Amino acid sequence: MNEFLEKYADLTALSLTLLASFILTVVLKRKATKRLRAIPTYFLVFGPSGILAFIFFHLFENTFRAIEKAINGRFEYNFRFYSLILFGLVLAYIGSIFLKTCFEKCLNEQNSNRSYFYNISLVLLLTLPLIPITPIAALPLICCSISLSALPFVRRKQKSLKRRRSGDTSNTPVAQMVYE
């Protein structure tokens, strides 16, 4: 198990993120009442999926190592172990709320982006001070930036499609009517 954690845990977490994002995109596309763009939706849910997958492996590895030390009689409960587990649990909770916010955004249950930006700022606040200590702490920020870059492109505008189909050009600027 130690060999798996050292060599393949990150690759497995990345593969799990890619697969989970694909599955969540398919689920969101089927549940959505309004049209969603598939590729931006994929990248929107990539952020929280990545956070959850990598934090799962963080918690798994630290718990496994603690159990291994306890079996060998060398485990000591100290602040380092406590902070590693607490950090993972808090970031997993924020990631799950972030995923829920992405679902609400895609399913039109929420028009405001306030809670979306709030979740990103929580991840930023939690992980930014850790980057000088360990560079892997930048991973949740990278996931959030990917998700944030896809946010404006997720939903398609319905008004312009209806207006073009019906032939109503009363509110359309003259320059736009010429090019249509």
N, C-alpha and C. Protein backbone atom coordinates (compact mmCIF):
# COMPACT_ATOMS: atom_id res chain seq x y z
N MET A 1 0.83 -1.20 0.00
CA MET A 1 0.00 0.00 0.00
C MET A 1 0.87 1.25 0.00
N ASN A 2 2.01 1.18 0.67
CA ASN A 2 2.91 2.34 0.69
C ASN A 2 3.39 2.69 -0.71
N GLU A 3 3.67 1.66 -1.51
CA GLU A 3 4.11 1.90 -2.88
C GLU A 3 3.02 2.58 -3.71
N PHE A 4 1.77 2.13 -3.51
CA PHE A 4 0.66 2.76 -4.22
C PHE A 4 0.52 4.22 -3.82
N LEU A 5 0.60 4.51 -2.52
CA LEU A 5 0.45 5.89 -2.05
C LEU A 5 1.57 6.79 -2.55
N GLU A 6 2.77 6.25 -2.63
CA GLU A 6 3.91 7.05 -3.07
C GLU A 6 3.93 7.26 -4.58
N LYS A 7 3.56 6.24 -5.36
CA LYS A 7 3.72 6.33 -6.80
C LYS A 7 2.43 6.66 -7.56
N TYR A 8 1.30 6.11 -7.11
CA TYR A 8 0.12 6.16 -7.96
C TYR A 8 -1.06 6.93 -7.37
N ALA A 9 -0.95 7.46 -6.18
CA ALA A 9 -2.10 8.13 -5.57
C ALA A 9 -2.48 9.39 -6.34
N ASP A 10 -1.50 10.18 -6.74
CA ASP A 10 -1.81 11.41 -7.47
C ASP A 10 -2.41 11.12 -8.84
N LEU A 11 -1.86 10.14 -9.53
CA LEU A 11 -2.40 9.77 -10.84
C LEU A 11 -3.82 9.21 -10.71
N THR A 12 -4.05 8.44 -9.67
CA THR A 12 -5.39 7.90 -9.42
C THR A 12 -6.37 9.02 -9.09
N ALA A 13 -5.94 9.98 -8.30
CA ALA A 13 -6.80 11.11 -7.95
C ALA A 13 -7.14 11.94 -9.19
N LEU A 14 -6.15 12.14 -10.07
CA LEU A 14 -6.40 12.88 -11.30
C LEU A 14 -7.36 12.13 -12.21
N SER A 15 -7.16 10.82 -12.33
CA SER A 15 -8.07 10.00 -13.15
C SER A 15 -9.48 10.02 -12.58
N LEU A 16 -9.58 9.93 -11.27
CA LEU A 16 -10.89 10.00 -10.61
C LEU A 16 -11.56 11.35 -10.84
N THR A 17 -10.77 12.42 -10.83
CA THR A 17 -11.31 13.75 -11.09
C THR A 17 -11.85 13.86 -12.51
N LEU A 18 -11.10 13.37 -13.48
CA LEU A 18 -11.53 13.44 -14.87
C LEU A 18 -12.81 12.62 -15.09
N LEU A 19 -12.85 11.43 -14.51
CA LEU A 19 -14.02 10.57 -14.65
C LEU A 19 -15.23 11.14 -13.92
N ALA A 20 -15.03 11.62 -12.70
CA ALA A 20 -16.15 12.20 -11.93
C ALA A 20 -16.70 13.45 -12.61
N SER A 21 -15.82 14.26 -13.18
CA SER A 21 -16.29 15.46 -13.89
C SER A 21 -17.12 15.09 -15.10
N PHE A 22 -16.71 14.06 -15.81
CA PHE A 22 -17.47 13.59 -16.97
C PHE A 22 -18.85 13.08 -16.55
N ILE A 23 -18.88 12.26 -15.52
CA ILE A 23 -20.16 11.71 -15.05
C ILE A 23 -21.08 12.82 -14.54
N LEU A 24 -20.52 13.76 -13.79
CA LEU A 24 -21.34 14.88 -13.29
C LEU A 24 -21.86 15.76 -14.42
N THR A 25 -21.07 15.92 -15.47
CA THR A 25 -21.52 16.70 -16.63
C THR A 25 -22.69 16.02 -17.31
N VAL A 26 -22.61 14.72 -17.48
CA VAL A 26 -23.72 13.97 -18.09
C VAL A 26 -24.98 14.09 -17.24
N VAL A 27 -24.82 13.95 -15.93
CA VAL A 27 -25.98 14.06 -15.03
C VAL A 27 -26.58 15.46 -15.10
N LEU A 28 -25.74 16.47 -15.09
CA LEU A 28 -26.26 17.85 -15.15
C LEU A 28 -26.94 18.14 -16.48
N LYS A 29 -26.36 17.66 -17.57
CA LYS A 29 -26.98 17.89 -18.88
C LYS A 29 -28.36 17.24 -18.96
N ARG A 30 -28.53 16.08 -18.34
CA ARG A 30 -29.82 15.38 -18.37
C ARG A 30 -30.85 16.03 -17.45
N LYS A 31 -30.41 16.57 -16.33
CA LYS A 31 -31.33 17.16 -15.36
C LYS A 31 -31.69 18.61 -15.66
N ALA A 32 -30.89 19.29 -16.43
CA ALA A 32 -31.08 20.72 -16.65
C ALA A 32 -32.35 21.00 -17.45
N THR A 33 -33.09 22.01 -17.02
CA THR A 33 -34.28 22.41 -17.75
C THR A 33 -33.93 23.36 -18.89
N LYS A 34 -32.88 24.15 -18.70
CA LYS A 34 -32.39 25.03 -19.76
C LYS A 34 -31.12 24.43 -20.33
N ARG A 35 -30.78 24.87 -21.51
CA ARG A 35 -29.64 24.29 -22.20
C ARG A 35 -28.32 24.68 -21.54
N LEU A 36 -27.47 23.68 -21.39
CA LEU A 36 -26.12 23.87 -20.86
C LEU A 36 -25.11 23.51 -21.92
N ARG A 37 -24.00 24.18 -21.89
CA ARG A 37 -22.90 23.81 -22.77
C ARG A 37 -22.09 22.73 -22.07
N ALA A 38 -21.77 21.67 -22.78
CA ALA A 38 -21.15 20.50 -22.15
C ALA A 38 -19.71 20.77 -21.69
N ILE A 39 -18.90 21.36 -22.53
CA ILE A 39 -17.49 21.55 -22.18
C ILE A 39 -17.32 22.53 -21.03
N PRO A 40 -17.98 23.70 -21.04
CA PRO A 40 -17.86 24.57 -19.86
C PRO A 40 -18.43 23.94 -18.59
N THR A 41 -19.49 23.14 -18.72
CA THR A 41 -20.04 22.46 -17.54
C THR A 41 -19.02 21.47 -17.00
N TYR A 42 -18.33 20.77 -17.88
CA TYR A 42 -17.29 19.83 -17.46
C TYR A 42 -16.22 20.55 -16.64
N PHE A 43 -15.76 21.70 -17.15
CA PHE A 43 -14.70 22.41 -16.44
C PHE A 43 -15.24 23.11 -15.18
N LEU A 44 -16.52 23.42 -15.16
CA LEU A 44 -17.11 24.01 -13.96
C LEU A 44 -17.10 23.02 -12.81
N VAL A 45 -17.48 21.78 -13.07
CA VAL A 45 -17.50 20.78 -12.01
C VAL A 45 -16.12 20.13 -11.80
N PHE A 46 -15.17 20.42 -12.69
CA PHE A 46 -13.81 19.90 -12.53
C PHE A 46 -13.17 20.44 -11.25
N GLY A 47 -13.42 21.69 -10.93
CA GLY A 47 -12.82 22.31 -9.75
C GLY A 47 -13.20 21.61 -8.45
N PRO A 48 -14.49 21.56 -8.13
CA PRO A 48 -14.84 20.87 -6.88
C PRO A 48 -14.58 19.37 -6.91
N SER A 49 -14.68 18.75 -8.08
CA SER A 49 -14.36 17.32 -8.18
C SER A 49 -12.89 17.07 -7.88
N GLY A 50 -12.04 17.94 -8.41
CA GLY A 50 -10.61 17.81 -8.16
C GLY A 50 -10.27 18.02 -6.70
N ILE A 51 -10.89 19.02 -6.09
CA ILE A 51 -10.66 19.26 -4.66
C ILE A 51 -11.06 18.04 -3.85
N LEU A 52 -12.24 17.50 -4.13
CA LEU A 52 -12.73 16.35 -3.37
C LEU A 52 -11.88 15.10 -3.59
N ALA A 53 -11.45 14.86 -4.82
CA ALA A 53 -10.65 13.66 -5.09
C ALA A 53 -9.29 13.73 -4.42
N PHE A 54 -8.62 14.85 -4.55
CA PHE A 54 -7.29 14.96 -3.95
C PHE A 54 -7.35 15.01 -2.42
N ILE A 55 -8.37 15.63 -1.87
CA ILE A 55 -8.51 15.65 -0.41
C ILE A 55 -8.89 14.27 0.11
N PHE A 56 -9.65 13.50 -0.66
CA PHE A 56 -9.94 12.13 -0.25
C PHE A 56 -8.64 11.34 -0.09
N PHE A 57 -7.75 11.46 -1.08
CA PHE A 57 -6.49 10.73 -0.98
C PHE A 57 -5.59 11.29 0.12
N HIS A 58 -5.67 12.59 0.38
CA HIS A 58 -4.93 13.18 1.50
C HIS A 58 -5.39 12.57 2.82
N LEU A 59 -6.71 12.51 3.01
CA LEU A 59 -7.25 11.93 4.24
C LEU A 59 -6.96 10.43 4.33
N PHE A 60 -7.08 9.74 3.21
CA PHE A 60 -6.82 8.30 3.20
C PHE A 60 -5.37 8.00 3.56
N GLU A 61 -4.44 8.75 2.97
CA GLU A 61 -3.02 8.50 3.24
C GLU A 61 -2.67 8.78 4.70
N ASN A 62 -3.15 9.90 5.23
CA ASN A 62 -2.83 10.22 6.62
C ASN A 62 -3.46 9.24 7.60
N THR A 63 -4.67 8.81 7.31
CA THR A 63 -5.32 7.82 8.17
C THR A 63 -4.62 6.47 8.08
N PHE A 64 -4.25 6.07 6.87
CA PHE A 64 -3.53 4.80 6.69
C PHE A 64 -2.21 4.80 7.44
N ARG A 65 -1.46 5.89 7.32
CA ARG A 65 -0.17 5.96 8.02
C ARG A 65 -0.36 5.96 9.54
N ALA A 66 -1.42 6.60 10.03
CA ALA A 66 -1.69 6.59 11.48
C ALA A 66 -2.05 5.19 11.96
N ILE A 67 -2.86 4.48 11.18
CA ILE A 67 -3.22 3.11 11.55
C ILE A 67 -1.99 2.21 11.51
N GLU A 68 -1.15 2.40 10.50
CA GLU A 68 0.08 1.61 10.40
C GLU A 68 1.00 1.86 11.60
N LYS A 69 1.13 3.11 12.01
CA LYS A 69 1.94 3.43 13.19
C LYS A 69 1.31 2.88 14.46
N ALA A 70 -0.02 2.90 14.54
CA ALA A 70 -0.70 2.38 15.73
C ALA A 70 -0.50 0.87 15.85
N ILE A 71 -0.51 0.17 14.73
CA ILE A 71 -0.29 -1.28 14.75
C ILE A 71 1.14 -1.59 15.21
N ASN A 72 2.08 -0.77 14.78
CA ASN A 72 3.48 -0.97 15.17
C ASN A 72 3.79 -0.41 16.56
N GLY A 73 2.83 0.27 17.18
CA GLY A 73 3.02 0.82 18.52
C GLY A 73 3.77 2.13 18.55
N ARG A 74 3.86 2.85 17.42
CA ARG A 74 4.60 4.11 17.37
C ARG A 74 3.70 5.33 17.17
N PHE A 75 2.40 5.16 17.20
CA PHE A 75 1.50 6.29 16.93
C PHE A 75 1.44 7.23 18.13
N GLU A 76 1.54 8.50 17.84
CA GLU A 76 1.33 9.51 18.87
C GLU A 76 0.40 10.57 18.29
N TYR A 77 -0.60 10.87 19.08
CA TYR A 77 -1.57 11.88 18.66
C TYR A 77 -0.99 13.23 19.02
N ASN A 78 -0.66 14.00 17.99
CA ASN A 78 -0.09 15.32 18.23
C ASN A 78 -0.78 16.35 17.35
N PHE A 79 -0.34 17.59 17.46
CA PHE A 79 -0.99 18.66 16.72
C PHE A 79 -0.81 18.50 15.21
N ARG A 80 0.30 17.96 14.78
CA ARG A 80 0.52 17.77 13.34
C ARG A 80 -0.53 16.84 12.74
N PHE A 81 -0.75 15.71 13.38
CA PHE A 81 -1.76 14.77 12.89
C PHE A 81 -3.15 15.40 12.94
N TYR A 82 -3.45 16.07 14.04
CA TYR A 82 -4.74 16.73 14.20
C TYR A 82 -4.96 17.77 13.11
N SER A 83 -3.96 18.59 12.83
CA SER A 83 -4.12 19.65 11.83
C SER A 83 -4.23 19.08 10.42
N LEU A 84 -3.53 17.99 10.12
CA LEU A 84 -3.64 17.36 8.80
C LEU A 84 -5.05 16.82 8.56
N ILE A 85 -5.59 16.15 9.56
CA ILE A 85 -6.94 15.60 9.42
C ILE A 85 -7.98 16.71 9.40
N LEU A 86 -7.84 17.68 10.27
CA LEU A 86 -8.80 18.78 10.31
C LEU A 86 -8.79 19.59 9.01
N PHE A 87 -7.60 19.84 8.48
CA PHE A 87 -7.49 20.56 7.21
C PHE A 87 -8.21 19.80 6.10
N GLY A 88 -7.99 18.50 6.05
CA GLY A 88 -8.64 17.68 5.02
C GLY A 88 -10.15 17.67 5.16
N LEU A 89 -10.65 17.57 6.38
CA LEU A 89 -12.10 17.56 6.59
C LEU A 89 -12.74 18.90 6.24
N VAL A 90 -12.08 19.99 6.64
CA VAL A 90 -12.63 21.32 6.33
C VAL A 90 -12.62 21.56 4.83
N LEU A 91 -11.53 21.23 4.17
CA LEU A 91 -11.47 21.43 2.71
C LEU A 91 -12.43 20.51 1.98
N ALA A 92 -12.64 19.30 2.47
CA ALA A 92 -13.63 18.40 1.86
C ALA A 92 -15.03 18.96 2.03
N TYR A 93 -15.33 19.54 3.17
CA TYR A 93 -16.64 20.15 3.38
C TYR A 93 -16.85 21.34 2.44
N ILE A 94 -15.84 22.18 2.33
CA ILE A 94 -15.94 23.33 1.41
C ILE A 94 -16.08 22.84 -0.03
N GLY A 95 -15.35 21.80 -0.40
CA GLY A 95 -15.45 21.23 -1.75
C GLY A 95 -16.82 20.67 -2.04
N SER A 96 -17.45 20.04 -1.04
CA SER A 96 -18.79 19.50 -1.26
C SER A 96 -19.82 20.62 -1.38
N ILE A 97 -19.67 21.68 -0.61
CA ILE A 97 -20.56 22.83 -0.76
C ILE A 97 -20.33 23.51 -2.11
N PHE A 98 -19.08 23.56 -2.53
CA PHE A 98 -18.73 24.13 -3.84
C PHE A 98 -19.37 23.32 -4.96
N LEU A 99 -19.35 22.01 -4.86
CA LEU A 99 -19.99 21.15 -5.86
C LEU A 99 -21.51 21.36 -5.87
N LYS A 100 -22.09 21.49 -4.70
CA LYS A 100 -23.53 21.75 -4.61
C LYS A 100 -23.88 23.09 -5.25
N THR A 101 -23.04 24.09 -5.05
CA THR A 101 -23.26 25.40 -5.67
C THR A 101 -23.16 25.31 -7.18
N CYS A 102 -22.23 24.51 -7.69
CA CYS A 102 -22.12 24.31 -9.14
C CYS A 102 -23.37 23.64 -9.69
N PHE A 103 -23.90 22.66 -8.97
CA PHE A 103 -25.14 22.00 -9.38
C PHE A 103 -26.28 23.00 -9.42
N GLU A 104 -26.40 23.84 -8.38
CA GLU A 104 -27.47 24.83 -8.34
C GLU A 104 -27.34 25.83 -9.47
N LYS A 105 -26.12 26.21 -9.78
CA LYS A 105 -25.89 27.16 -10.87
C LYS A 105 -26.30 26.55 -12.21
N CYS A 106 -25.97 25.30 -12.43
CA CYS A 106 -26.29 24.66 -13.71
C CYS A 106 -27.79 24.34 -13.83
N LEU A 107 -28.43 24.05 -12.73
CA LEU A 107 -29.85 23.67 -12.77
C LEU A 107 -30.78 24.86 -12.57
N ASN A 108 -30.25 26.07 -12.65
CA ASN A 108 -31.03 27.30 -12.55
C ASN A 108 -31.74 27.47 -11.21
N GLU A 109 -31.24 26.88 -10.16
CA GLU A 109 -31.82 27.07 -8.85
C GLU A 109 -31.25 28.33 -8.21
N GLN A 110 -30.24 28.90 -8.82
CA GLN A 110 -29.57 30.06 -8.27
C GLN A 110 -29.11 30.94 -9.43
N ASN A 111 -29.53 32.20 -9.41
CA ASN A 111 -29.12 33.12 -10.46
C ASN A 111 -27.89 33.93 -10.08
N SER A 112 -27.70 34.11 -8.80
CA SER A 112 -26.58 34.89 -8.30
C SER A 112 -25.31 34.05 -8.25
N ASN A 113 -24.18 34.70 -8.42
CA ASN A 113 -22.90 34.02 -8.31
C ASN A 113 -22.26 34.23 -6.94
N ARG A 114 -22.99 34.83 -6.02
CA ARG A 114 -22.44 35.18 -4.72
C ARG A 114 -21.91 33.96 -3.96
N SER A 115 -22.69 32.90 -3.85
CA SER A 115 -22.23 31.73 -3.10
C SER A 115 -21.10 31.01 -3.83
N TYR A 116 -21.10 31.08 -5.15
CA TYR A 116 -20.01 30.49 -5.93
C TYR A 116 -18.68 31.18 -5.61
N PHE A 117 -18.69 32.51 -5.64
CA PHE A 117 -17.48 33.26 -5.32
C PHE A 117 -17.11 33.14 -3.84
N TYR A 118 -18.11 32.99 -2.99
CA TYR A 118 -17.87 32.78 -1.57
C TYR A 118 -17.11 31.47 -1.34
N ASN A 119 -17.51 30.41 -2.02
CA ASN A 119 -16.82 29.13 -1.89
C ASN A 119 -15.39 29.19 -2.41
N ILE A 120 -15.20 29.88 -3.51
CA ILE A 120 -13.84 30.03 -4.05
C ILE A 120 -12.98 30.84 -3.08
N SER A 121 -13.56 31.87 -2.48
CA SER A 121 -12.78 32.67 -1.53
C SER A 121 -12.45 31.87 -0.27
N LEU A 122 -13.33 30.95 0.14
CA LEU A 122 -13.02 30.09 1.28
C LEU A 122 -11.85 29.16 0.97
N VAL A 123 -11.86 28.59 -0.22
CA VAL A 123 -10.74 27.72 -0.63
C VAL A 123 -9.45 28.55 -0.69
N LEU A 124 -9.55 29.74 -1.23
CA LEU A 124 -8.39 30.63 -1.32
C LEU A 124 -7.87 30.98 0.07
N LEU A 125 -8.77 31.34 0.97
CA LEU A 125 -8.39 31.70 2.33
C LEU A 125 -7.75 30.54 3.08
N LEU A 126 -8.22 29.34 2.82
CA LEU A 126 -7.71 28.17 3.52
C LEU A 126 -6.37 27.68 2.98
N THR A 127 -6.18 27.75 1.67
CA THR A 127 -4.99 27.13 1.08
C THR A 127 -3.87 28.11 0.74
N LEU A 128 -4.17 29.37 0.54
CA LEU A 128 -3.14 30.34 0.16
C LEU A 128 -2.01 30.45 1.18
N PRO A 129 -2.28 30.48 2.49
CA PRO A 129 -1.16 30.55 3.43
C PRO A 129 -0.27 29.31 3.46
N LEU A 130 -0.74 28.20 2.92
CA LEU A 130 0.03 26.96 2.96
C LEU A 130 0.98 26.79 1.78
N ILE A 131 0.85 27.62 0.75
CA ILE A 131 1.68 27.45 -0.45
C ILE A 131 3.17 27.62 -0.14
N PRO A 132 3.60 28.57 0.70
CA PRO A 132 5.04 28.63 1.01
C PRO A 132 5.54 27.40 1.79
N ILE A 133 4.66 26.76 2.54
CA ILE A 133 5.06 25.60 3.33
C ILE A 133 5.15 24.36 2.44
N THR A 134 4.11 24.14 1.64
CA THR A 134 4.10 22.99 0.74
C THR A 134 3.47 23.41 -0.59
N PRO A 135 4.18 23.29 -1.68
CA PRO A 135 3.67 23.74 -2.98
C PRO A 135 2.43 22.97 -3.46
N ILE A 136 2.19 21.77 -2.95
CA ILE A 136 1.01 21.01 -3.37
C ILE A 136 -0.28 21.68 -2.90
N ALA A 137 -0.17 22.62 -1.98
CA ALA A 137 -1.35 23.36 -1.51
C ALA A 137 -1.93 24.25 -2.60
N ALA A 138 -1.19 24.46 -3.67
CA ALA A 138 -1.70 25.26 -4.78
C ALA A 138 -2.69 24.49 -5.64
N LEU A 139 -2.77 23.19 -5.46
CA LEU A 139 -3.65 22.36 -6.28
C LEU A 139 -5.13 22.77 -6.17
N PRO A 140 -5.68 22.99 -4.98
CA PRO A 140 -7.07 23.46 -4.93
C PRO A 140 -7.28 24.81 -5.61
N LEU A 141 -6.27 25.67 -5.57
CA LEU A 141 -6.39 26.96 -6.25
C LEU A 141 -6.39 26.79 -7.77
N ILE A 142 -5.62 25.85 -8.26
CA ILE A 142 -5.62 25.56 -9.69
C ILE A 142 -6.99 25.01 -10.11
N CYS A 143 -7.54 24.13 -9.30
CA CYS A 143 -8.87 23.58 -9.59
C CYS A 143 -9.92 24.69 -9.59
N CYS A 144 -9.83 25.61 -8.63
CA CYS A 144 -10.78 26.72 -8.57
C CYS A 144 -10.64 27.65 -9.76
N SER A 145 -9.42 27.89 -10.22
CA SER A 145 -9.23 28.78 -11.37
C SER A 145 -9.79 28.15 -12.64
N ILE A 146 -9.66 26.83 -12.78
CA ILE A 146 -10.25 26.14 -13.94
C ILE A 146 -11.77 26.27 -13.89
N SER A 147 -12.32 26.05 -12.73
CA SER A 147 -13.77 26.15 -12.57
C SER A 147 -14.27 27.58 -12.79
N LEU A 148 -13.53 28.54 -12.29
CA LEU A 148 -13.92 29.95 -12.43
C LEU A 148 -13.87 30.41 -13.88
N SER A 149 -12.90 29.91 -14.64
CA SER A 149 -12.80 30.30 -16.05
C SER A 149 -13.97 29.77 -16.89
N ALA A 150 -14.62 28.71 -16.44
CA ALA A 150 -15.74 28.14 -17.19
C ALA A 150 -17.08 28.73 -16.80
N LEU A 151 -17.15 29.44 -15.69
CA LEU A 151 -18.43 29.94 -15.18
C LEU A 151 -19.24 30.78 -16.17
N PRO A 152 -18.65 31.74 -16.86
CA PRO A 152 -19.47 32.58 -17.75
C PRO A 152 -20.03 31.86 -18.97
N PHE A 153 -19.51 30.70 -19.30
CA PHE A 153 -19.89 30.03 -20.54
C PHE A 153 -20.82 28.84 -20.36
N VAL A 154 -21.28 28.58 -19.15
CA VAL A 154 -22.05 27.37 -18.88
C VAL A 154 -23.43 27.42 -19.50
N ARG A 155 -24.16 28.47 -19.24
CA ARG A 155 -25.54 28.54 -19.74
C ARG A 155 -25.62 29.30 -21.04
N ARG A 156 -26.52 28.84 -21.89
CA ARG A 156 -26.76 29.53 -23.15
C ARG A 156 -27.83 30.57 -22.95
N LYS A 157 -27.74 31.64 -23.67
CA LYS A 157 -28.75 32.69 -23.60
C LYS A 157 -29.97 32.25 -24.37
N GLN A 158 -31.12 32.30 -23.74
CA GLN A 158 -32.36 31.85 -24.37
C GLN A 158 -33.07 32.97 -25.12
N LYS A 159 -32.95 34.21 -24.65
CA LYS A 159 -33.69 35.31 -25.27
C LYS A 159 -33.29 35.53 -26.72
N SER A 160 -32.00 35.55 -26.98
CA SER A 160 -31.55 35.82 -28.34
C SER A 160 -31.97 34.71 -29.29
N LEU A 161 -31.99 33.47 -28.83
CA LEU A 161 -32.42 32.37 -29.69
C LEU A 161 -33.90 32.49 -30.02
N LYS A 162 -34.71 32.81 -29.03
CA LYS A 162 -36.15 32.95 -29.26
C LYS A 162 -36.44 34.13 -30.19
N ARG A 163 -35.71 35.23 -29.99
CA ARG A 163 -35.94 36.41 -30.80
C ARG A 163 -35.57 36.15 -32.25
N ARG A 164 -34.47 35.44 -32.50
CA ARG A 164 -34.07 35.15 -33.88
C ARG A 164 -35.05 34.20 -34.55
N ARG A 165 -35.55 33.22 -33.79
CA ARG A 165 -36.47 32.25 -34.37
C ARG A 165 -37.81 32.89 -34.70
N SER A 166 -38.28 33.79 -33.85
CA SER A 166 -39.59 34.38 -34.09
C SER A 166 -39.53 35.53 -35.10
N GLY A 167 -38.33 36.01 -35.39
CA GLY A 167 -38.21 37.09 -36.35
C GLY A 167 -38.40 38.46 -35.71
N ASP A 168 -38.53 38.52 -34.40
CA ASP A 168 -38.70 39.79 -33.69
C ASP A 168 -37.36 40.49 -33.60
N THR A 169 -37.23 41.61 -34.29
CA THR A 169 -35.99 42.38 -34.25
C THR A 169 -36.24 43.78 -33.73
N SER A 170 -37.31 43.97 -32.95
CA SER A 170 -37.63 45.30 -32.46
C SER A 170 -36.61 45.83 -31.47
N ASN A 171 -36.00 44.99 -30.67
CA ASN A 171 -35.01 45.44 -29.70
C ASN A 171 -33.58 45.17 -30.15
N THR A 172 -33.40 44.69 -31.35
CA THR A 172 -32.08 44.37 -31.86
C THR A 172 -31.48 45.61 -32.50
N PRO A 173 -30.23 45.94 -32.19
CA PRO A 173 -29.59 47.09 -32.83
C PRO A 173 -29.51 46.90 -34.35
N VAL A 174 -29.48 48.03 -35.06
CA VAL A 174 -29.49 48.00 -36.52
C VAL A 174 -28.26 47.27 -37.07
N ALA A 175 -27.10 47.50 -36.47
CA ALA A 175 -25.88 46.85 -36.95
C ALA A 175 -26.00 45.32 -36.82
N GLN A 176 -26.64 44.85 -35.75
CA GLN A 176 -26.77 43.42 -35.57
C GLN A 176 -27.77 42.85 -36.57
N MET A 177 -28.81 43.62 -36.93
CA MET A 177 -29.79 43.14 -37.90
C MET A 177 -29.18 42.98 -39.27
N VAL A 178 -28.21 43.85 -39.61
CA VAL A 178 -27.57 43.77 -40.91
C VAL A 178 -26.79 42.46 -41.04
N TYR A 179 -26.11 42.06 -39.97
CA TYR A 179 -25.28 40.86 -40.03
C TYR A 179 -26.08 39.59 -39.87
N GLU A 180 -27.29 39.65 -39.40
CA GLU A 180 -28.13 38.44 -39.28
C GLU A 180 -28.71 38.16 -40.61
